[in-house]
């Protein structure tokens, strides 16, 4: 089933300097989860409007030698039907290994490579949010 996660990404600060350096800051929020045939996430379980789902997503900073955008990127990672499954995946994602092997709600293996972990891509936070599925 296809779902669409709506994560807002708002720039709250941007500054450039005469020496070519820059910095920026962002705030992010998981707004909603909707059933959408063109959605950005696939589940291996049936989801209906009004169901509760658990969404794991992350925000991370990226930049270059001249500056960094604090929490300027977001990544929707996985959706679960039960809190127990979501908690287990959440714990794995928060470890220091660059690629983790998750298990989907339906018991299928899911490999996730973290886009953070380099000099210019730094994890801000991994979130586990509960949402009602919307139309």
C-alpha atoms as a PDB file:
ATOM      1  CA  UNK A   1       0.000   0.000   0.000  1.00  0.00           C
ATOM      2  CA  UNK A   2       1.302   3.462  -0.858  1.00  0.00           C
ATOM      3  CA  UNK A   3       1.334   6.218   1.750  1.00  0.00           C
ATOM      4  CA  UNK A   4       2.530   9.798   1.558  1.00  0.00           C
ATOM      5  CA  UNK A   5       4.321  11.416   4.498  1.00  0.00           C
ATOM      6  CA  UNK A   6       4.054  15.187   4.625  1.00  0.00           C
ATOM      7  CA  UNK A   7       7.138  16.563   6.385  1.00  0.00           C
ATOM      8  CA  UNK A   8       7.425  20.334   6.416  1.00  0.00           C
ATOM      9  CA  UNK A   9      10.889  21.841   6.182  1.00  0.00           C
ATOM     10  CA  UNK A  10      11.079  25.540   7.090  1.00  0.00           C
ATOM     11  CA  UNK A  11      14.211  27.679   6.895  1.00  0.00           C
ATOM     12  CA  UNK A  12      14.373  29.756  10.069  1.00  0.00           C
ATOM     13  CA  UNK A  13      17.791  31.338   9.509  1.00  0.00           C
ATOM     14  CA  UNK A  14      20.121  31.900   6.541  1.00  0.00           C
ATOM     15  CA  UNK A  15      23.273  33.965   6.557  1.00  0.00           C
ATOM     16  CA  UNK A  16      26.187  34.492   4.168  1.00  0.00           C
ATOM     17  CA  UNK A  17      29.487  36.090   5.050  1.00  0.00           C
ATOM     18  CA  UNK A  18      32.037  38.138   3.099  1.00  0.00           C
ATOM     19  CA  UNK A  19      34.555  35.285   3.243  1.00  0.00           C
ATOM     20  CA  UNK A  20      32.173  32.963   1.339  1.00  0.00           C
ATOM     21  CA  UNK A  21      31.019  30.986   4.334  1.00  0.00           C
ATOM     22  CA  UNK A  22      27.374  30.468   5.141  1.00  0.00           C
ATOM     23  CA  UNK A  23      25.059  28.918   7.688  1.00  0.00           C
ATOM     24  CA  UNK A  24      21.388  28.061   7.827  1.00  0.00           C
ATOM     25  CA  UNK A  25      18.927  26.489  10.237  1.00  0.00           C
ATOM     26  CA  UNK A  26      15.668  24.648   9.644  1.00  0.00           C
ATOM     27  CA  UNK A  27      12.732  23.324  11.638  1.00  0.00           C
ATOM     28  CA  UNK A  28      10.942  20.174  10.526  1.00  0.00           C
ATOM     29  CA  UNK A  29       7.648  18.547  11.417  1.00  0.00           C
ATOM     30  CA  UNK A  30       5.798  15.421  10.346  1.00  0.00           C
ATOM     31  CA  UNK A  31       2.427  16.921   9.449  1.00  0.00           C
ATOM     32  CA  UNK A  32       0.426  13.961   8.172  1.00  0.00           C
ATOM     33  CA  UNK A  33       0.323  10.465   6.682  1.00  0.00           C
ATOM     34  CA  UNK A  34      -2.112   9.992   3.804  1.00  0.00           C
ATOM     35  CA  UNK A  35      -3.172   7.141   1.542  1.00  0.00           C
ATOM     36  CA  UNK A  36      -1.840   8.061  -1.890  1.00  0.00           C
ATOM     37  CA  UNK A  37      -1.213   5.738  -4.865  1.00  0.00           C
ATOM     38  CA  UNK A  38       1.791   7.934  -5.760  1.00  0.00           C
ATOM     39  CA  UNK A  39       3.044   8.133  -2.163  1.00  0.00           C
ATOM     40  CA  UNK A  40       6.651   8.222  -1.030  1.00  0.00           C
ATOM     41  CA  UNK A  41       6.462   5.097   1.195  1.00  0.00           C
ATOM     42  CA  UNK A  42       5.227   1.546   0.726  1.00  0.00           C
ATOM     43  CA  UNK A  43       3.862  -0.668   3.486  1.00  0.00           C
ATOM     44  CA  UNK A  44       3.343  -4.425   3.472  1.00  0.00           C
ATOM     45  CA  UNK A  45       0.201  -4.189   5.571  1.00  0.00           C
ATOM     46  CA  UNK A  46      -3.305  -2.908   4.900  1.00  0.00           C
ATOM     47  CA  UNK A  47      -3.926   0.662   6.009  1.00  0.00           C
ATOM     48  CA  UNK A  48      -7.294   2.362   6.203  1.00  0.00           C
ATOM     49  CA  UNK A  49      -8.227   5.965   6.790  1.00  0.00           C
ATOM     50  CA  UNK A  50      -8.340   6.554  10.536  1.00  0.00           C
ATOM     51  CA  UNK A  51      -5.816   3.818  11.402  1.00  0.00           C
ATOM     52  CA  UNK A  52      -2.969   4.672  13.736  1.00  0.00           C
ATOM     53  CA  UNK A  53       0.532   4.219  12.290  1.00  0.00           C
ATOM     54  CA  UNK A  54       3.987   4.789  13.725  1.00  0.00           C
ATOM     55  CA  UNK A  55       6.365   6.731  11.495  1.00  0.00           C
ATOM     56  CA  UNK A  56      10.132   6.749  11.868  1.00  0.00           C
ATOM     57  CA  UNK A  57      11.805   9.727  10.236  1.00  0.00           C
ATOM     58  CA  UNK A  58      15.014  11.665  10.655  1.00  0.00           C
ATOM     59  CA  UNK A  59      16.350  15.160  10.244  1.00  0.00           C
ATOM     60  CA  UNK A  60      19.988  15.774   9.460  1.00  0.00           C
ATOM     61  CA  UNK A  61      22.330  18.585   8.558  1.00  0.00           C
ATOM     62  CA  UNK A  62      24.342  18.832   5.375  1.00  0.00           C
ATOM     63  CA  UNK A  63      26.741  21.314   3.906  1.00  0.00           C
ATOM     64  CA  UNK A  64      30.232  21.759   2.545  1.00  0.00           C
ATOM     65  CA  UNK A  65      33.570  23.243   3.556  1.00  0.00           C
ATOM     66  CA  UNK A  66      31.976  26.715   3.609  1.00  0.00           C
ATOM     67  CA  UNK A  67      28.961  26.074   5.806  1.00  0.00           C
ATOM     68  CA  UNK A  68      26.173  23.828   6.978  1.00  0.00           C
ATOM     69  CA  UNK A  69      22.380  23.787   6.854  1.00  0.00           C
ATOM     70  CA  UNK A  70      21.410  22.730  10.366  1.00  0.00           C
ATOM     71  CA  UNK A  71      18.671  20.063  10.075  1.00  0.00           C
ATOM     72  CA  UNK A  72      18.074  21.071   6.461  1.00  0.00           C
ATOM     73  CA  UNK A  73      17.242  17.537   5.295  1.00  0.00           C
ATOM     74  CA  UNK A  74      14.587  15.028   6.268  1.00  0.00           C
ATOM     75  CA  UNK A  75      14.254  11.332   5.529  1.00  0.00           C
ATOM     76  CA  UNK A  76      11.089   9.241   5.952  1.00  0.00           C
ATOM     77  CA  UNK A  77      12.443   5.826   6.954  1.00  0.00           C
ATOM     78  CA  UNK A  78       9.684   3.327   7.769  1.00  0.00           C
ATOM     79  CA  UNK A  79       6.029   3.038   8.820  1.00  0.00           C
ATOM     80  CA  UNK A  80       4.728   0.473  11.294  1.00  0.00           C
ATOM     81  CA  UNK A  81       1.309  -0.672  12.495  1.00  0.00           C
ATOM     82  CA  UNK A  82       2.459  -1.595  16.013  1.00  0.00           C
ATOM     83  CA  UNK A  83       4.482   0.321  18.552  1.00  0.00           C
ATOM     84  CA  UNK A  84       6.573  -2.763  19.408  1.00  0.00           C
ATOM     85  CA  UNK A  85       7.790  -3.106  15.800  1.00  0.00           C
ATOM     86  CA  UNK A  86       8.432   0.629  15.539  1.00  0.00           C
ATOM     87  CA  UNK A  87      10.405   0.664  18.816  1.00  0.00           C
ATOM     88  CA  UNK A  88      12.638  -2.194  17.646  1.00  0.00           C
ATOM     89  CA  UNK A  89      13.413  -0.433  14.349  1.00  0.00           C
ATOM     90  CA  UNK A  90      13.914   2.907  16.099  1.00  0.00           C
ATOM     91  CA  UNK A  91      16.582   1.355  18.356  1.00  0.00           C
ATOM     92  CA  UNK A  92      18.449  -0.089  15.357  1.00  0.00           C
ATOM     93  CA  UNK A  93      18.410   3.196  13.453  1.00  0.00           C
ATOM     94  CA  UNK A  94      19.873   5.030  16.442  1.00  0.00           C
ATOM     95  CA  UNK A  95      23.001   2.860  16.511  1.00  0.00           C
ATOM     96  CA  UNK A  96      26.250   3.909  14.830  1.00  0.00           C
ATOM     97  CA  UNK A  97      26.248   1.377  11.968  1.00  0.00           C
ATOM     98  CA  UNK A  98      25.867   3.115   8.558  1.00  0.00           C
ATOM     99  CA  UNK A  99      23.489   0.496   7.105  1.00  0.00           C
ATOM    100  CA  UNK A 100      20.869  -1.240   9.222  1.00  0.00           C
ATOM    101  CA  UNK A 101      18.729  -4.270   8.485  1.00  0.00           C
ATOM    102  CA  UNK A 102      15.189  -3.544   9.604  1.00  0.00           C
ATOM    103  CA  UNK A 103      12.180  -5.822   9.577  1.00  0.00           C
ATOM    104  CA  UNK A 104       8.948  -4.460   8.143  1.00  0.00           C
ATOM    105  CA  UNK A 105       5.628  -4.861   9.934  1.00  0.00           C
ATOM    106  CA  UNK A 106       4.914  -7.820   7.631  1.00  0.00           C
ATOM    107  CA  UNK A 107       8.186  -9.517   8.562  1.00  0.00           C
ATOM    108  CA  UNK A 108      10.087  -8.650   5.384  1.00  0.00           C
ATOM    109  CA  UNK A 109      13.724  -7.499   5.468  1.00  0.00           C
ATOM    110  CA  UNK A 110      14.321  -3.805   4.745  1.00  0.00           C
ATOM    111  CA  UNK A 111      17.821  -2.408   4.326  1.00  0.00           C
ATOM    112  CA  UNK A 112      18.295   1.255   5.223  1.00  0.00           C
ATOM    113  CA  UNK A 113      21.501   3.174   4.535  1.00  0.00           C
ATOM    114  CA  UNK A 114      21.758   6.305   6.627  1.00  0.00           C
ATOM    115  CA  UNK A 115      22.350   9.463   4.552  1.00  0.00           C
ATOM    116  CA  UNK A 116      24.137  11.034   7.526  1.00  0.00           C
ATOM    117  CA  UNK A 117      27.449  10.017   9.077  1.00  0.00           C
ATOM    118  CA  UNK A 118      30.006  11.872   6.990  1.00  0.00           C
ATOM    119  CA  UNK A 119      31.867  15.088   7.688  1.00  0.00           C
ATOM    120  CA  UNK A 120      29.161  17.229   6.089  1.00  0.00           C
ATOM    121  CA  UNK A 121      26.076  15.067   6.765  1.00  0.00           C
ATOM    122  CA  UNK A 122      25.347  14.974  10.488  1.00  0.00           C
ATOM    123  CA  UNK A 123      22.325  13.467  12.244  1.00  0.00           C
ATOM    124  CA  UNK A 124      20.129  15.923  14.100  1.00  0.00           C
ATOM    125  CA  UNK A 125      17.500  13.514  15.429  1.00  0.00           C
ATOM    126  CA  UNK A 126      15.563  10.363  14.648  1.00  0.00           C
ATOM    127  CA  UNK A 127      11.869  10.678  15.463  1.00  0.00           C
ATOM    128  CA  UNK A 128       9.146   8.147  16.153  1.00  0.00           C
ATOM    129  CA  UNK A 129       5.739   9.804  15.742  1.00  0.00           C
ATOM    130  CA  UNK A 130       2.237   8.407  15.891  1.00  0.00           C
ATOM    131  CA  UNK A 131      -0.287   9.633  13.312  1.00  0.00           C
ATOM    132  CA  UNK A 132      -3.795   8.855  12.143  1.00  0.00           C
ATOM    133  CA  UNK A 133      -3.936   7.939   8.445  1.00  0.00           C
ATOM    134  CA  UNK A 134      -5.771  10.604   6.455  1.00  0.00           C
ATOM    135  CA  UNK A 135      -7.445  10.674   3.058  1.00  0.00           C
END
